[in-house]
Amino acid sequence: MKASPNPSGSEPSRIEIDALEEPTIVEFGTSWCGYCRAAEPLIAQVLTKHPQLAHIKIEDGPGRALGRSFRVKLWPTLVFMHRGKEIARLVRPGDAREIERTVAQFPATV
């Protein structure tokens, strides 16, 4: 599942996220969040260097079950998943190096 925003408007379920085998970054945020907009180019910069990483962007907000299941409190929150397990998490990343260091925690296949 190479990702991106969910064009259908429906978010994947927690079961679908947990079933992903490949290294995946699940990004929670909103289109109107200033922190999210500031992090977008940083995330894009890192993803450009790692095209093999799947990226799922989730529009989060009150009452959204997926964000609550991951206990997201602030945006953007990046959850780094591999084989259904959370490997790492970044909340409001401030620079691309911070994201890159977290990507380095994925298995050597990444």
PDB file of N, CA and C in Angstrom:
ATOM      1  N   MET A   1       0.861  -1.167   0.000  1.00  0.00           N
ATOM      2  CA  MET A   1       0.000   0.000   0.000  1.00  0.00           C
ATOM      3  C   MET A   1       0.903   1.224   0.000  1.00  0.00           C
ATOM      4  N   LYS A   2       1.255   1.721  -1.155  1.00  0.00           N
ATOM      5  CA  LYS A   2       1.977   2.980  -1.226  1.00  0.00           C
ATOM      6  C   LYS A   2       0.941   4.027  -0.977  1.00  0.00           C
ATOM      7  N   ALA A   3       1.259   4.935  -0.296  1.00  0.00           N
ATOM      8  CA  ALA A   3       0.180   5.701   0.149  1.00  0.00           C
ATOM      9  C   ALA A   3       0.174   7.110  -0.163  1.00  0.00           C
ATOM     10  N   SER A   4      -0.609   7.625   0.708  1.00  0.00           N
ATOM     11  CA  SER A   4      -0.906   8.951   0.399  1.00  0.00           C
ATOM     12  C   SER A   4      -2.215   9.258   1.039  1.00  0.00           C
ATOM     13  N   PRO A   5      -2.715  10.415   0.730  1.00  0.00           N
ATOM     14  CA  PRO A   5      -4.005  10.740   1.293  1.00  0.00           C
ATOM     15  C   PRO A   5      -5.019   9.735   0.786  1.00  0.00           C
ATOM     16  N   ASN A   6      -6.060   9.573   1.514  1.00  0.00           N
ATOM     17  CA  ASN A   6      -7.087   8.614   1.118  1.00  0.00           C
ATOM     18  C   ASN A   6      -8.054   9.282   0.159  1.00  0.00           C
ATOM     19  N   PRO A   7      -7.911   9.000  -1.139  1.00  0.00           N
ATOM     20  CA  PRO A   7      -8.735   9.694  -2.120  1.00  0.00           C
ATOM     21  C   PRO A   7     -10.219   9.385  -1.968  1.00  0.00           C
ATOM     22  N   SER A   8     -10.550   8.219  -1.449  1.00  0.00           N
ATOM     23  CA  SER A   8     -11.953   7.861  -1.295  1.00  0.00           C
ATOM     24  C   SER A   8     -12.583   8.593  -0.126  1.00  0.00           C
ATOM     25  N   GLY A   9     -11.750   9.191   0.715  1.00  0.00           N
ATOM     26  CA  GLY A   9     -12.280   9.885   1.878  1.00  0.00           C
ATOM     27  C   GLY A   9     -12.472   8.959   3.064  1.00  0.00           C
ATOM     28  N   SER A  10     -12.370   7.654   2.841  1.00  0.00           N
ATOM     29  CA  SER A  10     -12.532   6.731   3.959  1.00  0.00           C
ATOM     30  C   SER A  10     -11.158   6.346   4.481  1.00  0.00           C
ATOM     31  N   GLU A  11     -11.057   6.300   5.781  1.00  0.00           N
ATOM     32  CA  GLU A  11      -9.769   5.942   6.364  1.00  0.00           C
ATOM     33  C   GLU A  11      -9.689   4.437   6.520  1.00  0.00           C
ATOM     34  N   PRO A  12      -8.475   3.892   6.460  1.00  0.00           N
ATOM     35  CA  PRO A  12      -8.336   2.456   6.696  1.00  0.00           C
ATOM     36  C   PRO A  12      -8.688   2.145   8.150  1.00  0.00           C
ATOM     37  N   SER A  13      -9.016   0.930   8.409  1.00  0.00           N
ATOM     38  CA  SER A  13      -9.313   0.524   9.781  1.00  0.00           C
ATOM     39  C   SER A  13      -8.014   0.206  10.511  1.00  0.00           C
ATOM     40  N   ARG A  14      -8.090   0.122  11.806  1.00  0.00           N
ATOM     41  CA  ARG A  14      -6.915  -0.258  12.602  1.00  0.00           C
ATOM     42  C   ARG A  14      -6.478  -1.662  12.212  1.00  0.00           C
ATOM     43  N   ILE A  15      -7.416  -2.525  11.929  1.00  0.00           N
ATOM     44  CA  ILE A  15      -7.085  -3.898  11.515  1.00  0.00           C
ATOM     45  C   ILE A  15      -6.284  -3.877  10.222  1.00  0.00           C
ATOM     46  N   GLU A  16      -6.681  -3.019   9.272  1.00  0.00           N
ATOM     47  CA  GLU A  16      -5.942  -2.920   8.002  1.00  0.00           C
ATOM     48  C   GLU A  16      -4.536  -2.375   8.225  1.00  0.00           C
ATOM     49  N   ILE A  17      -4.404  -1.380   9.080  1.00  0.00           N
ATOM     50  CA  ILE A  17      -3.083  -0.815   9.377  1.00  0.00           C
ATOM     51  C   ILE A  17      -2.206  -1.873  10.042  1.00  0.00           C
ATOM     52  N   ASP A  18      -2.751  -2.563  11.028  1.00  0.00           N
ATOM     53  CA  ASP A  18      -1.976  -3.580  11.749  1.00  0.00           C
ATOM     54  C   ASP A  18      -1.594  -4.754  10.861  1.00  0.00           C
ATOM     55  N   ALA A  19      -2.321  -4.972   9.782  1.00  0.00           N
ATOM     56  CA  ALA A  19      -2.036  -6.098   8.881  1.00  0.00           C
ATOM     57  C   ALA A  19      -0.944  -5.774   7.858  1.00  0.00           C
ATOM     58  N   LEU A  20      -0.530  -4.516   7.770  1.00  0.00           N
ATOM     59  CA  LEU A  20       0.497  -4.145   6.803  1.00  0.00           C
ATOM     60  C   LEU A  20       1.833  -4.772   7.183  1.00  0.00           C
ATOM     61  N   GLU A  21       2.454  -5.420   6.239  1.00  0.00           N
ATOM     62  CA  GLU A  21       3.753  -6.059   6.478  1.00  0.00           C
ATOM     63  C   GLU A  21       4.915  -5.105   6.242  1.00  0.00           C
ATOM     64  N   GLU A  22       4.781  -4.260   5.232  1.00  0.00           N
ATOM     65  CA  GLU A  22       5.898  -3.398   4.855  1.00  0.00           C
ATOM     66  C   GLU A  22       6.037  -2.223   5.812  1.00  0.00           C
ATOM     67  N   PRO A  23       7.243  -1.678   5.915  1.00  0.00           N
ATOM     68  CA  PRO A  23       7.450  -0.483   6.735  1.00  0.00           C
ATOM     69  C   PRO A  23       6.549   0.645   6.239  1.00  0.00           C
ATOM     70  N   THR A  24       5.809   1.231   7.147  1.00  0.00           N
ATOM     71  CA  THR A  24       4.812   2.231   6.792  1.00  0.00           C
ATOM     72  C   THR A  24       4.845   3.382   7.797  1.00  0.00           C
ATOM     73  N   ILE A  25       4.732   4.589   7.282  1.00  0.00           N
ATOM     74  CA  ILE A  25       4.563   5.758   8.137  1.00  0.00           C
ATOM     75  C   ILE A  25       3.093   6.143   8.061  1.00  0.00           C
ATOM     76  N   VAL A  26       2.448   6.157   9.215  1.00  0.00           N
ATOM     77  CA  VAL A  26       1.061   6.597   9.294  1.00  0.00           C
ATOM     78  C   VAL A  26       1.091   8.010   9.878  1.00  0.00           C
ATOM     79  N   GLU A  27       0.636   8.961   9.091  1.00  0.00           N
ATOM     80  CA  GLU A  27       0.686  10.370   9.473  1.00  0.00           C
ATOM     81  C   GLU A  27      -0.717  10.847   9.839  1.00  0.00           C
ATOM     82  N   PHE A  28      -0.876  11.337  11.049  1.00  0.00           N
ATOM     83  CA  PHE A  28      -2.145  11.885  11.510  1.00  0.00           C
ATOM     84  C   PHE A  28      -2.039  13.400  11.569  1.00  0.00           C
ATOM     85  N   GLY A  29      -3.035  14.081  11.029  1.00  0.00           N
ATOM     86  CA  GLY A  29      -3.053  15.532  11.069  1.00  0.00           C
ATOM     87  C   GLY A  29      -4.317  16.064  10.422  1.00  0.00           C
ATOM     88  N   THR A  30      -4.319  17.350  10.141  1.00  0.00           N
ATOM     89  CA  THR A  30      -5.439  17.978   9.451  1.00  0.00           C
ATOM     90  C   THR A  30      -4.898  18.953   8.416  1.00  0.00           C
ATOM     91  N   SER A  31      -5.730  19.272   7.461  1.00  0.00           N
ATOM     92  CA  SER A  31      -5.300  20.190   6.402  1.00  0.00           C
ATOM     93  C   SER A  31      -5.169  21.629   6.905  1.00  0.00           C
ATOM     94  N   TRP A  32      -5.845  21.971   7.978  1.00  0.00           N
ATOM     95  CA  TRP A  32      -5.824  23.343   8.477  1.00  0.00           C
ATOM     96  C   TRP A  32      -4.802  23.576   9.600  1.00  0.00           C
ATOM     97  N   CYS A  33      -4.132  22.523  10.048  1.00  0.00           N
ATOM     98  CA  CYS A  33      -3.185  22.610  11.163  1.00  0.00           C
ATOM     99  C   CYS A  33      -1.868  23.254  10.697  1.00  0.00           C
ATOM    100  N   GLY A  34      -1.476  24.334  11.358  1.00  0.00           N
ATOM    101  CA  GLY A  34      -0.226  25.013  11.008  1.00  0.00           C
ATOM    102  C   GLY A  34       1.001  24.136  11.206  1.00  0.00           C
ATOM    103  N   TYR A  35       1.014  23.351  12.274  1.00  0.00           N
ATOM    104  CA  TYR A  35       2.140  22.443  12.513  1.00  0.00           C
ATOM    105  C   TYR A  35       2.216  21.388  11.405  1.00  0.00           C
ATOM    106  N   CYS A  36       1.044  20.921  10.965  1.00  0.00           N
ATOM    107  CA  CYS A  36       0.996  19.911   9.897  1.00  0.00           C
ATOM    108  C   CYS A  36       1.531  20.493   8.594  1.00  0.00           C
ATOM    109  N   ARG A  37       1.101  21.696   8.283  1.00  0.00           N
ATOM    110  CA  ARG A  37       1.563  22.341   7.043  1.00  0.00           C
ATOM    111  C   ARG A  37       3.069  22.582   7.094  1.00  0.00           C
ATOM    112  N   ALA A  38       3.595  22.937   8.251  1.00  0.00           N
ATOM    113  CA  ALA A  38       5.036  23.171   8.384  1.00  0.00           C
ATOM    114  C   ALA A  38       5.817  21.869   8.231  1.00  0.00           C
ATOM    115  N   ALA A  39       5.248  20.758   8.680  1.00  0.00           N
ATOM    116  CA  ALA A  39       5.946  19.472   8.606  1.00  0.00           C
ATOM    117  C   ALA A  39       5.855  18.821   7.226  1.00  0.00           C
ATOM    118  N   GLU A  40       4.875  19.214   6.418  1.00  0.00           N
ATOM    119  CA  GLU A  40       4.683  18.579   5.100  1.00  0.00           C
ATOM    120  C   GLU A  40       5.947  18.526   4.252  1.00  0.00           C
ATOM    121  N   PRO A  41       6.659  19.653   4.055  1.00  0.00           N
ATOM    122  CA  PRO A  41       7.859  19.573   3.212  1.00  0.00           C
ATOM    123  C   PRO A  41       8.967  18.722   3.837  1.00  0.00           C
ATOM    124  N   LEU A  42       9.038  18.684   5.163  1.00  0.00           N
ATOM    125  CA  LEU A  42      10.048  17.860   5.834  1.00  0.00           C
ATOM    126  C   LEU A  42       9.767  16.380   5.593  1.00  0.00           C
ATOM    127  N   ILE A  43       8.513  16.008   5.733  1.00  0.00           N
ATOM    128  CA  ILE A  43       8.105  14.617   5.513  1.00  0.00           C
ATOM    129  C   ILE A  43       8.333  14.246   4.051  1.00  0.00           C
ATOM    130  N   ALA A  44       7.945  15.125   3.143  1.00  0.00           N
ATOM    131  CA  ALA A  44       8.129  14.866   1.708  1.00  0.00           C
ATOM    132  C   ALA A  44       9.605  14.701   1.365  1.00  0.00           C
ATOM    133  N   GLN A  45      10.460  15.510   1.975  1.00  0.00           N
ATOM    134  CA  GLN A  45      11.905  15.422   1.724  1.00  0.00           C
ATOM    135  C   GLN A  45      12.433  14.042   2.104  1.00  0.00           C
ATOM    136  N   VAL A  46      12.022  13.529   3.238  1.00  0.00           N
ATOM    137  CA  VAL A  46      12.478  12.214   3.692  1.00  0.00           C
ATOM    138  C   VAL A  46      11.878  11.112   2.827  1.00  0.00           C
ATOM    139  N   LEU A  47      10.607  11.227   2.503  1.00  0.00           N
ATOM    140  CA  LEU A  47       9.972  10.187   1.683  1.00  0.00           C
ATOM    141  C   LEU A  47      10.589  10.109   0.289  1.00  0.00           C
ATOM    142  N   THR A  48      11.060  11.230  -0.226  1.00  0.00           N
ATOM    143  CA  THR A  48      11.725  11.239  -1.534  1.00  0.00           C
ATOM    144  C   THR A  48      12.981  10.369  -1.494  1.00  0.00           C
ATOM    145  N   LYS A  49      13.675  10.371  -0.366  1.00  0.00           N
ATOM    146  CA  LYS A  49      14.896   9.572  -0.212  1.00  0.00           C
ATOM    147  C   LYS A  49      14.596   8.097   0.057  1.00  0.00           C
ATOM    148  N   HIS A  50      13.358   7.805   0.441  1.00  0.00           N
ATOM    149  CA  HIS A  50      12.977   6.429   0.802  1.00  0.00           C
ATOM    150  C   HIS A  50      11.687   6.035   0.087  1.00  0.00           C
ATOM    151  N   PRO A  51      11.735   5.911  -1.246  1.00  0.00           N
ATOM    152  CA  PRO A  51      10.502   5.623  -1.995  1.00  0.00           C
ATOM    153  C   PRO A  51       9.888   4.259  -1.664  1.00  0.00           C
ATOM    154  N   GLN A  52      10.650   3.396  -1.039  1.00  0.00           N
ATOM    155  CA  GLN A  52      10.128   2.078  -0.688  1.00  0.00           C
ATOM    156  C   GLN A  52       9.215   2.114   0.540  1.00  0.00           C
ATOM    157  N   LEU A  53       9.242   3.221   1.272  1.00  0.00           N
ATOM    158  CA  LEU A  53       8.379   3.357   2.445  1.00  0.00           C
ATOM    159  C   LEU A  53       6.956   3.657   2.028  1.00  0.00           C
ATOM    160  N   ALA A  54       6.026   2.958   2.631  1.00  0.00           N
ATOM    161  CA  ALA A  54       4.621   3.297   2.425  1.00  0.00           C
ATOM    162  C   ALA A  54       4.287   4.456   3.356  1.00  0.00           C
ATOM    163  N   HIS A  55       3.377   5.295   2.925  1.00  0.00           N
ATOM    164  CA  HIS A  55       2.994   6.478   3.701  1.00  0.00           C
ATOM    165  C   HIS A  55       1.480   6.617   3.608  1.00  0.00           C
ATOM    166  N   ILE A  56       0.839   6.629   4.751  1.00  0.00           N
ATOM    167  CA  ILE A  56      -0.609   6.793   4.788  1.00  0.00           C
ATOM    168  C   ILE A  56      -0.905   8.066   5.569  1.00  0.00           C
ATOM    169  N   LYS A  57      -1.591   8.975   4.926  1.00  0.00           N
ATOM    170  CA  LYS A  57      -1.926  10.246   5.552  1.00  0.00           C
ATOM    171  C   LYS A  57      -3.388  10.190   5.985  1.00  0.00           C
ATOM    172  N   ILE A  58      -3.611  10.376   7.275  1.00  0.00           N
ATOM    173  CA  ILE A  58      -4.953  10.276   7.847  1.00  0.00           C
ATOM    174  C   ILE A  58      -5.414  11.654   8.318  1.00  0.00           C
ATOM    175  N   GLU A  59      -6.544  12.091   7.810  1.00  0.00           N
ATOM    176  CA  GLU A  59      -7.179  13.322   8.289  1.00  0.00           C
ATOM    177  C   GLU A  59      -7.803  12.986   9.634  1.00  0.00           C
ATOM    178  N   ASP A  60      -7.271  13.563  10.687  1.00  0.00           N
ATOM    179  CA  ASP A  60      -7.695  13.226  12.037  1.00  0.00           C
ATOM    180  C   ASP A  60      -8.596  14.318  12.595  1.00  0.00           C
ATOM    181  N   GLY A  61      -9.240  14.035  13.691  1.00  0.00           N
ATOM    182  CA  GLY A  61     -10.085  15.015  14.342  1.00  0.00           C
ATOM    183  C   GLY A  61     -10.935  14.373  15.411  1.00  0.00           C
ATOM    184  N   PRO A  62     -11.703  15.165  16.109  1.00  0.00           N
ATOM    185  CA  PRO A  62     -12.569  14.636  17.161  1.00  0.00           C
ATOM    186  C   PRO A  62     -13.485  13.536  16.618  1.00  0.00           C
ATOM    187  N   GLY A  63     -13.586  12.482  17.377  1.00  0.00           N
ATOM    188  CA  GLY A  63     -14.468  11.381  17.003  1.00  0.00           C
ATOM    189  C   GLY A  63     -13.917  10.447  15.948  1.00  0.00           C
ATOM    190  N   ARG A  64     -12.697  10.662  15.513  1.00  0.00           N
ATOM    191  CA  ARG A  64     -12.094   9.784  14.512  1.00  0.00           C
ATOM    192  C   ARG A  64     -11.472   8.592  15.222  1.00  0.00           C
ATOM    193  N   ALA A  65     -12.001   7.424  14.959  1.00  0.00           N
ATOM    194  CA  ALA A  65     -11.616   6.211  15.692  1.00  0.00           C
ATOM    195  C   ALA A  65     -10.152   5.825  15.495  1.00  0.00           C
ATOM    196  N   LEU A  66      -9.632   5.962  14.287  1.00  0.00           N
ATOM    197  CA  LEU A  66      -8.259   5.508  14.039  1.00  0.00           C
ATOM    198  C   LEU A  66      -7.253   6.320  14.852  1.00  0.00           C
ATOM    199  N   GLY A  67      -7.390   7.615  14.849  1.00  0.00           N
ATOM    200  CA  GLY A  67      -6.495   8.452  15.645  1.00  0.00           C
ATOM    201  C   GLY A  67      -6.585   8.139  17.131  1.00  0.00           C
ATOM    202  N   ARG A  68      -7.797   7.895  17.595  1.00  0.00           N
ATOM    203  CA  ARG A  68      -7.970   7.555  19.012  1.00  0.00           C
ATOM    204  C   ARG A  68      -7.334   6.202  19.326  1.00  0.00           C
ATOM    205  N   SER A  69      -7.417   5.252  18.394  1.00  0.00           N
ATOM    206  CA  SER A  69      -6.827   3.933  18.659  1.00  0.00           C
ATOM    207  C   SER A  69      -5.308   4.007  18.777  1.00  0.00           C
ATOM    208  N   PHE A  70      -4.710   5.020  18.152  1.00  0.00           N
ATOM    209  CA  PHE A  70      -3.263   5.239  18.257  1.00  0.00           C
ATOM    210  C   PHE A  70      -2.927   6.248  19.355  1.00  0.00           C
ATOM    211  N   ARG A  71      -3.926   6.710  20.065  1.00  0.00           N
ATOM    212  CA  ARG A  71      -3.766   7.689  21.148  1.00  0.00           C
ATOM    213  C   ARG A  71      -3.070   8.970  20.684  1.00  0.00           C
ATOM    214  N   VAL A  72      -3.473   9.432  19.510  1.00  0.00           N
ATOM    215  CA  VAL A  72      -2.933  10.675  18.968  1.00  0.00           C
ATOM    216  C   VAL A  72      -3.512  11.841  19.754  1.00  0.00           C
ATOM    217  N   LYS A  73      -2.627  12.703  20.231  1.00  0.00           N
ATOM    218  CA  LYS A  73      -3.052  13.863  21.014  1.00  0.00           C
ATOM    219  C   LYS A  73      -2.725  15.182  20.311  1.00  0.00           C
ATOM    220  N   LEU A  74      -1.621  15.219  19.572  1.00  0.00           N
ATOM    221  CA  LEU A  74      -1.191  16.431  18.876  1.00  0.00           C
ATOM    222  C   LEU A  74      -0.918  16.095  17.415  1.00  0.00           C
ATOM    223  N   TRP A  75      -1.014  17.105  16.567  1.00  0.00           N
ATOM    224  CA  TRP A  75      -0.740  16.926  15.139  1.00  0.00           C
ATOM    225  C   TRP A  75       0.481  17.740  14.736  1.00  0.00           C
ATOM    226  N   PRO A  76       1.186  17.291  13.742  1.00  0.00           N
ATOM    227  CA  PRO A  76       1.097  15.967  13.169  1.00  0.00           C
ATOM    228  C   PRO A  76       1.770  14.940  14.076  1.00  0.00           C
ATOM    229  N   THR A  77       1.261  13.760  14.020  1.00  0.00           N
ATOM    230  CA  THR A  77       1.887  12.618  14.685  1.00  0.00           C
ATOM    231  C   THR A  77       2.221  11.608  13.605  1.00  0.00           C
ATOM    232  N   LEU A  78       3.475  11.190  13.568  1.00  0.00           N
ATOM    233  CA  LEU A  78       3.926  10.160  12.631  1.00  0.00           C
ATOM    234  C   LEU A  78       4.142   8.883  13.421  1.00  0.00           C
ATOM    235  N   VAL A  79       3.442   7.829  13.012  1.00  0.00           N
ATOM    236  CA  VAL A  79       3.594   6.528  13.656  1.00  0.00           C
ATOM    237  C   VAL A  79       4.306   5.623  12.657  1.00  0.00           C
ATOM    238  N   PHE A  80       5.444   5.106  13.061  1.00  0.00           N
ATOM    239  CA  PHE A  80       6.270   4.249  12.210  1.00  0.00           C
ATOM    240  C   PHE A  80       5.928   2.801  12.529  1.00  0.00           C
ATOM    241  N   MET A  81       5.350   2.113  11.543  1.00  0.00           N
ATOM    242  CA  MET A  81       4.858   0.749  11.732  1.00  0.00           C
ATOM    243  C   MET A  81       5.654  -0.230  10.871  1.00  0.00           C
ATOM    244  N   HIS A  82       5.830  -1.439  11.386  1.00  0.00           N
ATOM    245  CA  HIS A  82       6.420  -2.530  10.608  1.00  0.00           C
ATOM    246  C   HIS A  82       5.844  -3.838  11.123  1.00  0.00           C
ATOM    247  N   ARG A  83       5.263  -4.585  10.193  1.00  0.00           N
ATOM    248  CA  ARG A  83       4.640  -5.872  10.534  1.00  0.00           C
ATOM    249  C   ARG A  83       3.626  -5.742  11.674  1.00  0.00           C
ATOM    250  N   GLY A  84       2.830  -4.689  11.614  1.00  0.00           N
ATOM    251  CA  GLY A  84       1.759  -4.515  12.578  1.00  0.00           C
ATOM    252  C   GLY A  84       2.174  -3.981  13.933  1.00  0.00           C
ATOM    253  N   LYS A  85       3.429  -3.644  14.081  1.00  0.00           N
ATOM    254  CA  LYS A  85       3.933  -3.139  15.370  1.00  0.00           C
ATOM    255  C   LYS A  85       4.423  -1.705  15.204  1.00  0.00           C
ATOM    256  N   GLU A  86       4.160  -0.908  16.215  1.00  0.00           N
ATOM    257  CA  GLU A  86       4.687   0.449  16.225  1.00  0.00           C
ATOM    258  C   GLU A  86       6.156   0.383  16.623  1.00  0.00           C
ATOM    259  N   ILE A  87       7.009   0.913  15.762  1.00  0.00           N
ATOM    260  CA  ILE A  87       8.450   0.918  16.015  1.00  0.00           C
ATOM    261  C   ILE A  87       8.858   2.235  16.680  1.00  0.00           C
ATOM    262  N   ALA A  88       8.234   3.309  16.231  1.00  0.00           N
ATOM    263  CA  ALA A  88       8.585   4.629  16.753  1.00  0.00           C
ATOM    264  C   ALA A  88       7.443   5.590  16.478  1.00  0.00           C
ATOM    265  N   ARG A  89       7.561   6.767  17.081  1.00  0.00           N
ATOM    266  CA  ARG A  89       6.541   7.805  16.922  1.00  0.00           C
ATOM    267  C   ARG A  89       7.222   9.166  17.025  1.00  0.00           C
ATOM    268  N   LEU A  90       6.810  10.060  16.163  1.00  0.00           N
ATOM    269  CA  LEU A  90       7.263  11.447  16.234  1.00  0.00           C
ATOM    270  C   LEU A  90       6.039  12.342  16.324  1.00  0.00           C
ATOM    271  N   VAL A  91       6.082  13.288  17.233  1.00  0.00           N
ATOM    272  CA  VAL A  91       5.012  14.258  17.363  1.00  0.00           C
ATOM    273  C   VAL A  91       5.580  15.627  17.031  1.00  0.00           C
ATOM    274  N   ARG A  92       4.956  16.280  16.090  1.00  0.00           N
ATOM    275  CA  ARG A  92       5.389  17.608  15.638  1.00  0.00           C
ATOM    276  C   ARG A  92       6.882  17.663  15.311  1.00  0.00           C
ATOM    277  N   PRO A  93       7.311  16.847  14.338  1.00  0.00           N
ATOM    278  CA  PRO A  93       8.733  16.874  13.979  1.00  0.00           C
ATOM    279  C   PRO A  93       9.152  18.260  13.520  1.00  0.00           C
ATOM    280  N   GLY A  94      10.342  18.668  13.971  1.00  0.00           N
ATOM    281  CA  GLY A  94      10.816  20.009  13.682  1.00  0.00           C
ATOM    282  C   GLY A  94      11.802  20.128  12.544  1.00  0.00           C
ATOM    283  N   ASP A  95      12.413  19.008  12.166  1.00  0.00           N
ATOM    284  CA  ASP A  95      13.329  19.054  11.027  1.00  0.00           C
ATOM    285  C   ASP A  95      13.426  17.677  10.382  1.00  0.00           C
ATOM    286  N   ALA A  96      13.918  17.674   9.146  1.00  0.00           N
ATOM    287  CA  ALA A  96      13.994  16.440   8.370  1.00  0.00           C
ATOM    288  C   ALA A  96      14.963  15.443   9.007  1.00  0.00           C
ATOM    289  N   ARG A  97      16.003  15.937   9.663  1.00  0.00           N
ATOM    290  CA  ARG A  97      16.971  15.018  10.299  1.00  0.00           C
ATOM    291  C   ARG A  97      16.301  14.176  11.373  1.00  0.00           C
ATOM    292  N   GLU A  98      15.389  14.771  12.105  1.00  0.00           N
ATOM    293  CA  GLU A  98      14.669  14.048  13.143  1.00  0.00           C
ATOM    294  C   GLU A  98      13.836  12.916  12.534  1.00  0.00           C
ATOM    295  N   ILE A  99      13.197  13.197  11.426  1.00  0.00           N
ATOM    296  CA  ILE A  99      12.412  12.166  10.736  1.00  0.00           C
ATOM    297  C   ILE A  99      13.343  11.104  10.174  1.00  0.00           C
ATOM    298  N   GLU A 100      14.448  11.537   9.587  1.00  0.00           N
ATOM    299  CA  GLU A 100      15.426  10.607   9.003  1.00  0.00           C
ATOM    300  C   GLU A 100      15.994   9.666  10.071  1.00  0.00           C
ATOM    301  N   ARG A 101      16.301  10.183  11.240  1.00  0.00           N
ATOM    302  CA  ARG A 101      16.818   9.335  12.329  1.00  0.00           C
ATOM    303  C   ARG A 101      15.783   8.281  12.729  1.00  0.00           C
ATOM    304  N   THR A 102      14.529   8.657  12.701  1.00  0.00           N
ATOM    305  CA  THR A 102      13.478   7.711  13.067  1.00  0.00           C
ATOM    306  C   THR A 102      13.302   6.666  11.975  1.00  0.00           C
ATOM    307  N   VAL A 103      13.392   7.059  10.722  1.00  0.00           N
ATOM    308  CA  VAL A 103      13.325   6.104   9.615  1.00  0.00           C
ATOM    309  C   VAL A 103      14.437   5.082   9.745  1.00  0.00           C
ATOM    310  N   ALA A 104      15.587   5.496  10.254  1.00  0.00           N
ATOM    311  CA  ALA A 104      16.726   4.587  10.421  1.00  0.00           C
ATOM    312  C   ALA A 104      16.423   3.463  11.395  1.00  0.00           C
ATOM    313  N   GLN A 105      15.373   3.581  12.198  1.00  0.00           N
ATOM    314  CA  GLN A 105      15.006   2.525  13.141  1.00  0.00           C
ATOM    315  C   GLN A 105      14.276   1.360  12.459  1.00  0.00           C
ATOM    316  N   PHE A 106      13.850   1.561  11.213  1.00  0.00           N
ATOM    317  CA  PHE A 106      13.233   0.476  10.471  1.00  0.00           C
ATOM    318  C   PHE A 106      14.284  -0.592  10.197  1.00  0.00           C
ATOM    319  N   PRO A 107      13.868  -1.826   9.936  1.00  0.00           N
ATOM    320  CA  PRO A 107      14.818  -2.897   9.613  1.00  0.00           C
ATOM    321  C   PRO A 107      15.703  -2.507   8.426  1.00  0.00           C
ATOM    322  N   ALA A 108      16.806  -3.166   8.297  1.00  0.00           N
ATOM    323  CA  ALA A 108      17.809  -2.854   7.276  1.00  0.00           C
ATOM    324  C   ALA A 108      17.265  -2.938   5.859  1.00  0.00           C
ATOM    325  N   THR A 109      16.117  -3.571   5.661  1.00  0.00           N
ATOM    326  CA  THR A 109      15.550  -3.689   4.319  1.00  0.00           C
ATOM    327  C   THR A 109      15.038  -2.359   3.797  1.00  0.00           C
ATOM    328  N   VAL A 110      14.927  -1.365   4.657  1.00  0.00           N
ATOM    329  CA  VAL A 110      14.358  -0.083   4.222  1.00  0.00           C
ATOM    330  C   VAL A 110      15.401   0.777   3.592  1.00  0.00           C
TER     331      VAL A 110
END
